[in-house]
PDB file of all heavy atoms in Angstrom:
ATOM      1  N   TRP A   1     -10.251   9.511   2.739  1.00  0.00           N
ATOM      2  CA  TRP A   1      -9.209   9.581   1.730  1.00  0.00           C
ATOM      3  C   TRP A   1      -8.493   8.442   1.443  1.00  0.00           C
ATOM      4  O   TRP A   1      -8.291   7.606   2.395  1.00  0.00           O
ATOM      5  CB  TRP A   1      -8.333  10.883   2.072  1.00  0.00           C
ATOM      6  CG  TRP A   1      -8.999  12.095   2.307  1.00  0.00           C
ATOM      7  CD1 TRP A   1      -9.303  12.639   3.586  1.00  0.00           C
ATOM      8  CD2 TRP A   1      -9.761  12.946   1.416  1.00  0.00           C
ATOM      9  NE1 TRP A   1     -10.128  13.747   3.440  1.00  0.00           N
ATOM     10  CE2 TRP A   1     -10.427  13.932   2.157  1.00  0.00           C
ATOM     11  CE3 TRP A   1      -9.921  12.838  -0.052  1.00  0.00           C
ATOM     12  CZ2 TRP A   1     -11.106  14.950   1.541  1.00  0.00           C
ATOM     13  CZ3 TRP A   1     -10.737  13.926  -0.621  1.00  0.00           C
ATOM     14  CH2 TRP A   1     -11.381  14.892   0.169  1.00  0.00           C
ATOM     15  N   PRO A   2      -7.768   8.207   0.297  1.00  0.00           N
ATOM     16  CA  PRO A   2      -6.893   7.089   0.097  1.00  0.00           C
ATOM     17  C   PRO A   2      -5.705   7.072   1.015  1.00  0.00           C
ATOM     18  O   PRO A   2      -5.369   8.059   1.678  1.00  0.00           O
ATOM     19  CB  PRO A   2      -6.439   7.258  -1.319  1.00  0.00           C
ATOM     20  CG  PRO A   2      -7.485   8.161  -1.912  1.00  0.00           C
ATOM     21  CD  PRO A   2      -7.917   9.103  -0.847  1.00  0.00           C
ATOM     22  N   LEU A   3      -4.970   5.928   1.059  1.00  0.00           N
ATOM     23  CA  LEU A   3      -3.846   5.672   1.702  1.00  0.00           C
ATOM     24  C   LEU A   3      -2.754   6.665   1.317  1.00  0.00           C
ATOM     25  O   LEU A   3      -2.582   6.599   0.024  1.00  0.00           O
ATOM     26  CB  LEU A   3      -3.436   4.258   1.661  1.00  0.00           C
ATOM     27  CG  LEU A   3      -2.123   3.811   2.283  1.00  0.00           C
ATOM     28  CD1 LEU A   3      -2.191   3.877   3.792  1.00  0.00           C
ATOM     29  CD2 LEU A   3      -1.697   2.453   1.881  1.00  0.00           C
ATOM     30  N   LEU A   4      -1.948   7.249   2.019  1.00  0.00           N
ATOM     31  CA  LEU A   4      -0.839   7.959   1.625  1.00  0.00           C
ATOM     32  C   LEU A   4       0.385   7.222   2.059  1.00  0.00           C
ATOM     33  O   LEU A   4       0.429   6.748   3.214  1.00  0.00           O
ATOM     34  CB  LEU A   4      -0.680   9.371   2.300  1.00  0.00           C
ATOM     35  CG  LEU A   4      -1.691  10.424   1.710  1.00  0.00           C
ATOM     36  CD1 LEU A   4      -1.900  11.662   2.640  1.00  0.00           C
ATOM     37  CD2 LEU A   4      -1.159  10.998   0.445  1.00  0.00           C
ATOM     38  N   ALA A   5       1.408   7.115   1.244  1.00  0.00           N
ATOM     39  CA  ALA A   5       2.630   6.282   1.644  1.00  0.00           C
ATOM     40  C   ALA A   5       3.806   6.742   0.972  1.00  0.00           C
ATOM     41  O   ALA A   5       3.737   7.418  -0.094  1.00  0.00           O
ATOM     42  CB  ALA A   5       2.383   4.811   1.167  1.00  0.00           C
ATOM     43  N   ASP A   6       4.946   6.410   1.582  1.00  0.00           N
ATOM     44  CA  ASP A   6       6.306   6.633   0.953  1.00  0.00           C
ATOM     45  C   ASP A   6       7.193   5.652   1.394  1.00  0.00           C
ATOM     46  O   ASP A   6       7.296   5.226   2.585  1.00  0.00           O
ATOM     47  CB  ASP A   6       6.792   8.102   1.339  1.00  0.00           C
ATOM     48  CG  ASP A   6       8.032   8.432   0.600  1.00  0.00           C
ATOM     49  OD1 ASP A   6       7.849   8.678  -0.688  1.00  0.00           O
ATOM     50  OD2 ASP A   6       9.131   8.492   1.204  1.00  0.00           O
ATOM     51  N   GLY A   7       8.107   5.188   0.524  1.00  0.00           N
ATOM     52  CA  GLY A   7       9.243   4.260   0.863  1.00  0.00           C
ATOM     53  C   GLY A   7       8.867   2.824   0.780  1.00  0.00           C
ATOM     54  O   GLY A   7       9.808   1.997   0.973  1.00  0.00           O
ATOM     55  N   PHE A   8       7.627   2.455   0.232  1.00  0.00           N
ATOM     56  CA  PHE A   8       7.340   1.023   0.204  1.00  0.00           C
ATOM     57  C   PHE A   8       7.499   0.452  -1.333  1.00  0.00           C
ATOM     58  O   PHE A   8       6.689  -0.181  -1.788  1.00  0.00           O
ATOM     59  CB  PHE A   8       5.807   0.826   0.549  1.00  0.00           C
ATOM     60  CG  PHE A   8       5.568   1.034   2.050  1.00  0.00           C
ATOM     61  CD1 PHE A   8       5.222   2.280   2.620  1.00  0.00           C
ATOM     62  CD2 PHE A   8       5.781  -0.084   2.897  1.00  0.00           C
ATOM     63  CE1 PHE A   8       4.969   2.357   3.983  1.00  0.00           C
ATOM     64  CE2 PHE A   8       5.580   0.126   4.242  1.00  0.00           C
ATOM     65  CZ  PHE A   8       5.228   1.291   4.841  1.00  0.00           C
ATOM     66  N   ASP A   9       8.539   0.917  -1.870  1.00  0.00           N
ATOM     67  CA  ASP A   9       8.899   0.452  -3.299  1.00  0.00           C
ATOM     68  C   ASP A   9       9.148  -1.121  -3.315  1.00  0.00           C
ATOM     69  O   ASP A   9       8.842  -1.679  -4.384  1.00  0.00           O
ATOM     70  CB  ASP A   9      10.097   1.074  -3.823  1.00  0.00           C
ATOM     71  CG  ASP A   9       9.954   2.700  -3.792  1.00  0.00           C
ATOM     72  OD1 ASP A   9       9.031   3.207  -3.160  1.00  0.00           O
ATOM     73  OD2 ASP A   9      10.888   3.347  -4.400  1.00  0.00           O
ATOM     74  N   ASN A  10       9.794  -1.673  -2.318  1.00  0.00           N
ATOM     75  CA  ASN A  10      10.026  -3.089  -2.254  1.00  0.00           C
ATOM     76  C   ASN A  10       8.853  -3.855  -2.168  1.00  0.00           C
ATOM     77  O   ASN A  10       7.988  -3.615  -1.276  1.00  0.00           O
ATOM     78  CB  ASN A  10      10.925  -3.360  -0.994  1.00  0.00           C
ATOM     79  CG  ASN A  10      11.286  -4.766  -0.855  1.00  0.00           C
ATOM     80  OD1 ASN A  10      10.460  -5.735  -0.646  1.00  0.00           O
ATOM     81  ND2 ASN A  10      12.568  -5.157  -1.225  1.00  0.00           N
ATOM     82  N   PRO A  11       8.600  -4.893  -3.097  1.00  0.00           N
ATOM     83  CA  PRO A  11       7.311  -5.646  -3.128  1.00  0.00           C
ATOM     84  C   PRO A  11       7.103  -6.340  -1.854  1.00  0.00           C
ATOM     85  O   PRO A  11       5.986  -6.525  -1.439  1.00  0.00           O
ATOM     86  CB  PRO A  11       7.585  -6.570  -4.287  1.00  0.00           C
ATOM     87  CG  PRO A  11       8.531  -5.849  -5.282  1.00  0.00           C
ATOM     88  CD  PRO A  11       9.430  -5.135  -4.333  1.00  0.00           C
ATOM     89  N   ASP A  12       8.191  -6.872  -1.317  1.00  0.00           N
ATOM     90  CA  ASP A  12       7.935  -7.696  -0.023  1.00  0.00           C
ATOM     91  C   ASP A  12       7.414  -6.705   1.134  1.00  0.00           C
ATOM     92  O   ASP A  12       6.577  -7.076   1.891  1.00  0.00           O
ATOM     93  CB  ASP A  12       9.232  -8.372   0.384  1.00  0.00           C
ATOM     94  CG  ASP A  12       9.612  -9.539  -0.501  1.00  0.00           C
ATOM     95  OD1 ASP A  12       8.723 -10.045  -1.174  1.00  0.00           O
ATOM     96  OD2 ASP A  12      10.777  -9.869  -0.496  1.00  0.00           O
ATOM     97  N   LEU A  13       8.014  -5.564   1.192  1.00  0.00           N
ATOM     98  CA  LEU A  13       7.584  -4.544   2.212  1.00  0.00           C
ATOM     99  C   LEU A  13       6.186  -4.075   2.067  1.00  0.00           C
ATOM    100  O   LEU A  13       5.362  -3.945   2.882  1.00  0.00           O
ATOM    101  CB  LEU A  13       8.578  -3.440   2.241  1.00  0.00           C
ATOM    102  CG  LEU A  13       8.279  -2.370   3.410  1.00  0.00           C
ATOM    103  CD1 LEU A  13       8.293  -3.072   4.848  1.00  0.00           C
ATOM    104  CD2 LEU A  13       9.412  -1.309   3.387  1.00  0.00           C
ATOM    105  N   ALA A  14       5.916  -3.864   0.708  1.00  0.00           N
ATOM    106  CA  ALA A  14       4.534  -3.434   0.349  1.00  0.00           C
ATOM    107  C   ALA A  14       3.491  -4.550   0.692  1.00  0.00           C
ATOM    108  O   ALA A  14       2.398  -4.219   1.301  1.00  0.00           O
ATOM    109  CB  ALA A  14       4.481  -3.117  -1.094  1.00  0.00           C
ATOM    110  N   ALA A  15       3.883  -5.859   0.513  1.00  0.00           N
ATOM    111  CA  ALA A  15       2.988  -6.897   0.861  1.00  0.00           C
ATOM    112  C   ALA A  15       2.718  -7.067   2.338  1.00  0.00           C
ATOM    113  O   ALA A  15       1.562  -7.216   2.774  1.00  0.00           O
ATOM    114  CB  ALA A  15       3.631  -8.238   0.318  1.00  0.00           C
ATOM    115  N   GLU A  16       3.708  -6.715   3.130  1.00  0.00           N
ATOM    116  CA  GLU A  16       3.642  -6.803   4.554  1.00  0.00           C
ATOM    117  C   GLU A  16       2.812  -5.669   5.022  1.00  0.00           C
ATOM    118  O   GLU A  16       1.794  -5.798   5.978  1.00  0.00           O
ATOM    119  CB  GLU A  16       5.028  -6.747   5.224  1.00  0.00           C
ATOM    120  CG  GLU A  16       5.040  -6.695   6.745  1.00  0.00           C
ATOM    121  CD  GLU A  16       4.366  -7.989   7.282  1.00  0.00           C
ATOM    122  OE1 GLU A  16       4.337  -9.126   6.592  1.00  0.00           O
ATOM    123  OE2 GLU A  16       3.800  -7.999   8.492  1.00  0.00           O
ATOM    124  N   LEU A  17       2.912  -4.444   4.456  1.00  0.00           N
ATOM    125  CA  LEU A  17       2.007  -3.229   4.723  1.00  0.00           C
ATOM    126  C   LEU A  17       0.568  -3.735   4.432  1.00  0.00           C
ATOM    127  O   LEU A  17      -0.173  -3.447   5.295  1.00  0.00           O
ATOM    128  CB  LEU A  17       2.392  -2.087   3.997  1.00  0.00           C
ATOM    129  CG  LEU A  17       1.408  -0.930   4.145  1.00  0.00           C
ATOM    130  CD1 LEU A  17       1.569  -0.298   5.506  1.00  0.00           C
ATOM    131  CD2 LEU A  17       1.699   0.159   3.119  1.00  0.00           C
ATOM    132  N   VAL A  18       0.271  -4.163   3.316  1.00  0.00           N
ATOM    133  CA  VAL A  18      -1.087  -4.448   2.917  1.00  0.00           C
ATOM    134  C   VAL A  18      -1.604  -5.691   3.768  1.00  0.00           C
ATOM    135  O   VAL A  18      -2.800  -5.555   4.289  1.00  0.00           O
ATOM    136  CB  VAL A  18      -1.044  -4.908   1.508  1.00  0.00           C
ATOM    137  CG1 VAL A  18      -2.582  -5.482   1.078  1.00  0.00           C
ATOM    138  CG2 VAL A  18      -0.815  -3.721   0.521  1.00  0.00           C
ATOM    139  N   HIS A  19      -0.876  -6.603   4.104  1.00  0.00           N
ATOM    140  CA  HIS A  19      -1.259  -7.683   5.002  1.00  0.00           C
ATOM    141  C   HIS A  19      -1.689  -7.144   6.318  1.00  0.00           C
ATOM    142  O   HIS A  19      -2.769  -7.620   6.916  1.00  0.00           O
ATOM    143  CB  HIS A  19      -0.112  -8.723   5.132  1.00  0.00           C
ATOM    144  CG  HIS A  19      -0.355  -9.834   6.254  1.00  0.00           C
ATOM    145  ND1 HIS A  19      -1.259 -10.820   5.985  1.00  0.00           N
ATOM    146  CD2 HIS A  19       0.013  -9.969   7.476  1.00  0.00           C
ATOM    147  CE1 HIS A  19      -1.358 -11.614   7.000  1.00  0.00           C
ATOM    148  NE2 HIS A  19      -0.530 -11.127   7.940  1.00  0.00           N
ATOM    149  N   GLN A  20      -0.901  -6.297   6.861  1.00  0.00           N
ATOM    150  CA  GLN A  20      -1.276  -5.760   8.314  1.00  0.00           C
ATOM    151  C   GLN A  20      -2.416  -4.656   8.109  1.00  0.00           C
ATOM    152  O   GLN A  20      -3.272  -4.698   9.099  1.00  0.00           O
ATOM    153  CB  GLN A  20      -0.107  -5.254   8.875  1.00  0.00           C
ATOM    154  CG  GLN A  20       0.928  -6.289   9.327  1.00  0.00           C
ATOM    155  CD  GLN A  20       2.029  -5.562  10.406  1.00  0.00           C
ATOM    156  OE1 GLN A  20       1.570  -4.940  11.256  1.00  0.00           O
ATOM    157  NE2 GLN A  20       3.273  -6.108  10.140  1.00  0.00           N
ATOM    158  N   TRP A  21      -2.304  -3.873   7.232  1.00  0.00           N
ATOM    159  CA  TRP A  21      -3.129  -2.690   7.048  1.00  0.00           C
ATOM    160  C   TRP A  21      -4.612  -3.113   6.933  1.00  0.00           C
ATOM    161  O   TRP A  21      -5.523  -2.623   7.664  1.00  0.00           O
ATOM    162  CB  TRP A  21      -2.877  -1.860   5.923  1.00  0.00           C
ATOM    163  CG  TRP A  21      -3.470  -0.498   5.848  1.00  0.00           C
ATOM    164  CD1 TRP A  21      -4.769  -0.153   5.413  1.00  0.00           C
ATOM    165  CD2 TRP A  21      -2.987   0.630   6.556  1.00  0.00           C
ATOM    166  NE1 TRP A  21      -5.065   1.088   5.622  1.00  0.00           N
ATOM    167  CE2 TRP A  21      -3.976   1.702   6.400  1.00  0.00           C
ATOM    168  CE3 TRP A  21      -1.664   0.992   6.997  1.00  0.00           C
ATOM    169  CZ2 TRP A  21      -3.804   3.088   6.715  1.00  0.00           C
ATOM    170  CZ3 TRP A  21      -1.574   2.338   7.513  1.00  0.00           C
ATOM    171  CH2 TRP A  21      -2.470   3.376   7.321  1.00  0.00           C
ATOM    172  N   ILE A  22      -4.874  -4.078   6.040  1.00  0.00           N
ATOM    173  CA  ILE A  22      -6.430  -4.509   5.762  1.00  0.00           C
ATOM    174  C   ILE A  22      -7.020  -5.145   7.075  1.00  0.00           C
ATOM    175  O   ILE A  22      -8.122  -5.254   7.024  1.00  0.00           O
ATOM    176  CB  ILE A  22      -6.448  -5.160   4.594  1.00  0.00           C
ATOM    177  CG1 ILE A  22      -5.822  -6.523   4.601  1.00  0.00           C
ATOM    178  CG2 ILE A  22      -6.056  -4.386   3.343  1.00  0.00           C
ATOM    179  CD1 ILE A  22      -5.978  -7.440   3.353  1.00  0.00           C
ATOM    180  N   GLN A  23      -6.152  -5.545   7.993  1.00  0.00           N
ATOM    181  CA  GLN A  23      -6.851  -6.004   9.103  1.00  0.00           C
ATOM    182  C   GLN A  23      -7.603  -4.950   9.947  1.00  0.00           C
ATOM    183  O   GLN A  23      -8.441  -5.263  10.692  1.00  0.00           O
ATOM    184  CB  GLN A  23      -5.740  -6.742  10.036  1.00  0.00           C
ATOM    185  CG  GLN A  23      -5.102  -7.967   9.391  1.00  0.00           C
ATOM    186  CD  GLN A  23      -3.926  -8.407  10.392  1.00  0.00           C
ATOM    187  OE1 GLN A  23      -4.161  -8.782  11.512  1.00  0.00           O
ATOM    188  NE2 GLN A  23      -2.754  -8.589   9.812  1.00  0.00           N
ATOM    189  N   TYR A  24      -7.154  -3.818   9.830  1.00  0.00           N
ATOM    190  CA  TYR A  24      -7.694  -2.590  10.479  1.00  0.00           C
ATOM    191  C   TYR A  24      -8.443  -1.758   9.717  1.00  0.00           C
ATOM    192  O   TYR A  24      -9.270  -0.951  10.238  1.00  0.00           O
ATOM    193  CB  TYR A  24      -6.622  -1.962  11.392  1.00  0.00           C
ATOM    194  CG  TYR A  24      -5.738  -2.896  12.252  1.00  0.00           C
ATOM    195  CD1 TYR A  24      -4.453  -3.249  11.696  1.00  0.00           C
ATOM    196  CD2 TYR A  24      -6.214  -3.258  13.299  1.00  0.00           C
ATOM    197  CE1 TYR A  24      -3.726  -4.146  12.546  1.00  0.00           C
ATOM    198  CE2 TYR A  24      -5.464  -4.170  14.218  1.00  0.00           C
ATOM    199  CZ  TYR A  24      -4.183  -4.607  13.736  1.00  0.00           C
ATOM    200  OH  TYR A  24      -3.383  -5.452  14.472  1.00  0.00           O
ATOM    201  N   ASP A  25      -8.143  -1.695   8.444  1.00  0.00           N
ATOM    202  CA  ASP A  25      -8.833  -0.889   7.422  1.00  0.00           C
ATOM    203  C   ASP A  25      -9.155  -1.534   6.184  1.00  0.00           C
ATOM    204  O   ASP A  25      -8.506  -1.252   5.105  1.00  0.00           O
ATOM    205  CB  ASP A  25      -7.819   0.287   7.125  1.00  0.00           C
ATOM    206  CG  ASP A  25      -8.382   1.434   6.367  1.00  0.00           C
ATOM    207  OD1 ASP A  25      -9.651   1.508   6.244  1.00  0.00           O
ATOM    208  OD2 ASP A  25      -7.628   2.191   5.713  1.00  0.00           O
ATOM    209  N   PRO A  26      -9.974  -2.529   6.238  1.00  0.00           N
ATOM    210  CA  PRO A  26     -10.356  -3.349   5.086  1.00  0.00           C
ATOM    211  C   PRO A  26     -10.909  -2.645   3.950  1.00  0.00           C
ATOM    212  O   PRO A  26     -10.846  -3.065   2.721  1.00  0.00           O
ATOM    213  CB  PRO A  26     -11.226  -4.462   5.585  1.00  0.00           C
ATOM    214  CG  PRO A  26     -11.866  -3.802   6.606  1.00  0.00           C
ATOM    215  CD  PRO A  26     -10.888  -2.989   7.326  1.00  0.00           C
ATOM    216  N   GLU A  27     -11.456  -1.464   4.060  1.00  0.00           N
ATOM    217  CA  GLU A  27     -12.113  -0.557   3.006  1.00  0.00           C
ATOM    218  C   GLU A  27     -11.283   0.448   2.478  1.00  0.00           C
ATOM    219  O   GLU A  27     -11.809   1.298   1.904  1.00  0.00           O
ATOM    220  CB  GLU A  27     -13.497  -0.016   3.529  1.00  0.00           C
ATOM    221  CG  GLU A  27     -14.412  -1.268   3.943  1.00  0.00           C
ATOM    222  CD  GLU A  27     -15.741  -0.612   4.392  1.00  0.00           C
ATOM    223  OE1 GLU A  27     -15.789   0.484   5.023  1.00  0.00           O
ATOM    224  OE2 GLU A  27     -16.797  -1.307   4.034  1.00  0.00           O
ATOM    225  N   VAL A  28      -9.926   0.310   2.640  1.00  0.00           N
ATOM    226  CA  VAL A  28      -9.034   1.371   2.187  1.00  0.00           C
ATOM    227  C   VAL A  28      -9.299   1.485   0.609  1.00  0.00           C
ATOM    228  O   VAL A  28      -9.243   0.520  -0.176  1.00  0.00           O
ATOM    229  CB  VAL A  28      -7.640   1.096   2.360  1.00  0.00           C
ATOM    230  CG1 VAL A  28      -7.162  -0.369   1.910  1.00  0.00           C
ATOM    231  CG2 VAL A  28      -6.701   2.120   1.768  1.00  0.00           C
ATOM    232  N   PRO A  29      -9.649   2.680   0.065  1.00  0.00           N
ATOM    233  CA  PRO A  29     -10.176   2.695  -1.383  1.00  0.00           C
ATOM    234  C   PRO A  29      -9.128   2.991  -2.427  1.00  0.00           C
ATOM    235  O   PRO A  29      -9.432   2.865  -3.594  1.00  0.00           O
ATOM    236  CB  PRO A  29     -10.921   4.052  -1.266  1.00  0.00           C
ATOM    237  CG  PRO A  29     -10.296   4.827  -0.306  1.00  0.00           C
ATOM    238  CD  PRO A  29      -9.898   3.957   0.795  1.00  0.00           C
ATOM    239  N   GLY A  30      -7.794   3.053  -1.946  1.00  0.00           N
ATOM    240  CA  GLY A  30      -6.743   3.336  -2.915  1.00  0.00           C
ATOM    241  C   GLY A  30      -5.498   3.800  -2.180  1.00  0.00           C
ATOM    242  O   GLY A  30      -5.519   3.829  -1.036  1.00  0.00           O
ATOM    243  N   VAL A  31      -4.567   4.131  -2.988  1.00  0.00           N
ATOM    244  CA  VAL A  31      -3.292   4.695  -2.548  1.00  0.00           C
ATOM    245  C   VAL A  31      -2.786   5.731  -3.416  1.00  0.00           C
ATOM    246  O   VAL A  31      -2.983   5.796  -4.553  1.00  0.00           O
ATOM    247  CB  VAL A  31      -2.327   3.539  -2.540  1.00  0.00           C
ATOM    248  CG1 VAL A  31      -2.017   3.011  -3.869  1.00  0.00           C
ATOM    249  CG2 VAL A  31      -0.979   4.015  -1.917  1.00  0.00           C
ATOM    250  N   THR A  32      -2.123   6.838  -2.713  1.00  0.00           N
ATOM    251  CA  THR A  32      -1.543   7.921  -3.497  1.00  0.00           C
ATOM    252  C   THR A  32      -0.144   8.111  -3.032  1.00  0.00           C
ATOM    253  O   THR A  32       0.122   8.190  -1.749  1.00  0.00           O
ATOM    254  CB  THR A  32      -2.397   9.191  -3.281  1.00  0.00           C
ATOM    255  OG1 THR A  32      -1.727  10.240  -4.027  1.00  0.00           O
ATOM    256  CG2 THR A  32      -2.668   9.512  -1.869  1.00  0.00           C
ATOM    257  N   ALA A  33       0.794   8.191  -3.886  1.00  0.00           N
ATOM    258  CA  ALA A  33       2.276   8.154  -3.560  1.00  0.00           C
ATOM    259  C   ALA A  33       3.043   8.335  -4.790  1.00  0.00           C
ATOM    260  O   ALA A  33       2.493   8.475  -5.964  1.00  0.00           O
ATOM    261  CB  ALA A  33       2.486   6.773  -2.897  1.00  0.00           C
ATOM    262  N   ARG A  34       4.471   8.302  -4.499  1.00  0.00           N
ATOM    263  CA  ARG A  34       5.306   8.337  -5.674  1.00  0.00           C
ATOM    264  C   ARG A  34       5.069   7.052  -6.540  1.00  0.00           C
ATOM    265  O   ARG A  34       4.631   6.029  -5.915  1.00  0.00           O
ATOM    266  CB  ARG A  34       6.633   8.514  -5.273  1.00  0.00           C
ATOM    267  CG  ARG A  34       7.083   9.957  -4.888  1.00  0.00           C
ATOM    268  CD  ARG A  34       8.507  10.030  -4.485  1.00  0.00           C
ATOM    269  NE  ARG A  34       8.874   9.799  -3.308  1.00  0.00           N
ATOM    270  CZ  ARG A  34      10.189   9.739  -2.801  1.00  0.00           C
ATOM    271  NH1 ARG A  34      11.197  10.054  -3.591  1.00  0.00           N
ATOM    272  NH2 ARG A  34      10.419   9.403  -1.524  1.00  0.00           N
ATOM    273  N   PRO A  35       5.363   7.145  -7.899  1.00  0.00           N
ATOM    274  CA  PRO A  35       4.880   5.874  -8.630  1.00  0.00           C
ATOM    275  C   PRO A  35       5.355   4.630  -8.169  1.00  0.00           C
ATOM    276  O   PRO A  35       4.516   3.699  -8.180  1.00  0.00           O
ATOM    277  CB  PRO A  35       5.552   6.296  -9.931  1.00  0.00           C
ATOM    278  CG  PRO A  35       5.544   7.806 -10.068  1.00  0.00           C
ATOM    279  CD  PRO A  35       5.837   8.207  -8.625  1.00  0.00           C
ATOM    280  N   ALA A  36       6.678   4.355  -7.799  1.00  0.00           N
ATOM    281  CA  ALA A  36       7.147   3.025  -7.358  1.00  0.00           C
ATOM    282  C   ALA A  36       6.451   2.511  -6.086  1.00  0.00           C
ATOM    283  O   ALA A  36       5.975   1.321  -5.997  1.00  0.00           O
ATOM    284  CB  ALA A  36       8.669   3.085  -7.107  1.00  0.00           C
ATOM    285  N   THR A  37       6.184   3.472  -5.192  1.00  0.00           N
ATOM    286  CA  THR A  37       5.363   2.935  -3.974  1.00  0.00           C
ATOM    287  C   THR A  37       3.896   2.633  -4.365  1.00  0.00           C
ATOM    288  O   THR A  37       3.337   1.689  -3.899  1.00  0.00           O
ATOM    289  CB  THR A  37       5.518   3.978  -2.922  1.00  0.00           C
ATOM    290  OG1 THR A  37       6.843   3.877  -2.288  1.00  0.00           O
ATOM    291  CG2 THR A  37       4.490   3.841  -1.889  1.00  0.00           C
ATOM    292  N   ALA A  38       3.255   3.570  -5.060  1.00  0.00           N
ATOM    293  CA  ALA A  38       1.914   3.366  -5.450  1.00  0.00           C
ATOM    294  C   ALA A  38       1.759   2.050  -6.242  1.00  0.00           C
ATOM    295  O   ALA A  38       0.778   1.264  -5.955  1.00  0.00           O
ATOM    296  CB  ALA A  38       1.439   4.468  -6.265  1.00  0.00           C
ATOM    297  N   GLN A  39       2.621   1.803  -7.146  1.00  0.00           N
ATOM    298  CA  GLN A  39       2.561   0.575  -7.951  1.00  0.00           C
ATOM    299  C   GLN A  39       2.777  -0.708  -7.132  1.00  0.00           C
ATOM    300  O   GLN A  39       2.083  -1.754  -7.276  1.00  0.00           O
ATOM    301  CB  GLN A  39       3.503   0.677  -9.052  1.00  0.00           C
ATOM    302  CG  GLN A  39       3.122   1.791 -10.125  1.00  0.00           C
ATOM    303  CD  GLN A  39       4.254   2.172 -11.033  1.00  0.00           C
ATOM    304  OE1 GLN A  39       5.240   1.454 -11.245  1.00  0.00           O
ATOM    305  NE2 GLN A  39       4.079   3.285 -11.533  1.00  0.00           N
ATOM    306  N   ALA A  40       3.739  -0.657  -6.158  1.00  0.00           N
ATOM    307  CA  ALA A  40       4.005  -1.849  -5.320  1.00  0.00           C
ATOM    308  C   ALA A  40       2.845  -2.158  -4.366  1.00  0.00           C
ATOM    309  O   ALA A  40       2.428  -3.263  -4.220  1.00  0.00           O
ATOM    310  CB  ALA A  40       5.333  -1.561  -4.583  1.00  0.00           C
ATOM    311  N   ILE A  41       2.270  -1.112  -3.766  1.00  0.00           N
ATOM    312  CA  ILE A  41       1.208  -1.380  -2.798  1.00  0.00           C
ATOM    313  C   ILE A  41      -0.081  -1.723  -3.658  1.00  0.00           C
ATOM    314  O   ILE A  41      -0.764  -2.710  -3.117  1.00  0.00           O
ATOM    315  CB  ILE A  41       0.852  -0.075  -2.048  1.00  0.00           C
ATOM    316  CG1 ILE A  41       2.059   0.243  -1.092  1.00  0.00           C
ATOM    317  CG2 ILE A  41      -0.486  -0.115  -1.288  1.00  0.00           C
ATOM    318  CD1 ILE A  41       1.940   1.556  -0.354  1.00  0.00           C
ATOM    319  N   SER A  42      -0.367  -1.180  -4.811  1.00  0.00           N
ATOM    320  CA  SER A  42      -1.478  -1.685  -5.505  1.00  0.00           C
ATOM    321  C   SER A  42      -1.258  -3.067  -6.026  1.00  0.00           C
ATOM    322  O   SER A  42      -2.354  -3.892  -5.856  1.00  0.00           O
ATOM    323  CB  SER A  42      -1.518  -0.781  -6.868  1.00  0.00           C
ATOM    324  OG  SER A  42      -1.991   0.544  -6.582  1.00  0.00           O
ATOM    325  N   ALA A  43      -0.266  -3.469  -6.405  1.00  0.00           N
ATOM    326  CA  ALA A  43       0.058  -5.000  -6.812  1.00  0.00           C
ATOM    327  C   ALA A  43      -0.204  -5.859  -5.647  1.00  0.00           C
ATOM    328  O   ALA A  43      -0.734  -6.925  -5.767  1.00  0.00           O
ATOM    329  CB  ALA A  43       1.438  -5.060  -7.529  1.00  0.00           C
ATOM    330  N   ALA A  44       0.398  -5.322  -4.423  1.00  0.00           N
ATOM    331  CA  ALA A  44       0.251  -6.177  -3.219  1.00  0.00           C
ATOM    332  C   ALA A  44      -1.221  -6.380  -2.752  1.00  0.00           C
ATOM    333  O   ALA A  44      -1.632  -7.431  -2.476  1.00  0.00           O
ATOM    334  CB  ALA A  44       1.133  -5.666  -2.166  1.00  0.00           C
ATOM    335  N   TRP A  45      -1.899  -5.283  -2.873  1.00  0.00           N
ATOM    336  CA  TRP A  45      -3.335  -5.327  -2.542  1.00  0.00           C
ATOM    337  C   TRP A  45      -4.144  -6.214  -3.527  1.00  0.00           C
ATOM    338  O   TRP A  45      -5.001  -7.011  -3.176  1.00  0.00           O
ATOM    339  CB  TRP A  45      -3.942  -3.864  -2.607  1.00  0.00           C
ATOM    340  CG  TRP A  45      -5.331  -3.909  -2.190  1.00  0.00           C
ATOM    341  CD1 TRP A  45      -5.847  -3.569  -0.835  1.00  0.00           C
ATOM    342  CD2 TRP A  45      -6.473  -3.980  -2.978  1.00  0.00           C
ATOM    343  NE1 TRP A  45      -7.210  -3.730  -0.878  1.00  0.00           N
ATOM    344  CE2 TRP A  45      -7.653  -3.846  -2.168  1.00  0.00           C
ATOM    345  CE3 TRP A  45      -6.750  -4.077  -4.373  1.00  0.00           C
ATOM    346  CZ2 TRP A  45      -8.973  -3.951  -2.620  1.00  0.00           C
ATOM    347  CZ3 TRP A  45      -7.974  -4.196  -4.851  1.00  0.00           C
ATOM    348  CH2 TRP A  45      -9.078  -4.040  -4.005  1.00  0.00           C
TER     349      TRP A  45
END
């Protein structure tokens, strides 16, 4: 299933999550979340 997330509305924090996350899960297929978090993580990815 896609990544579930909450609270990563801040672009810098979303970027740090993506930076660390894909080291362990490079094939994450997407994200599902409230709009601001989903959009921030998608942009960072």
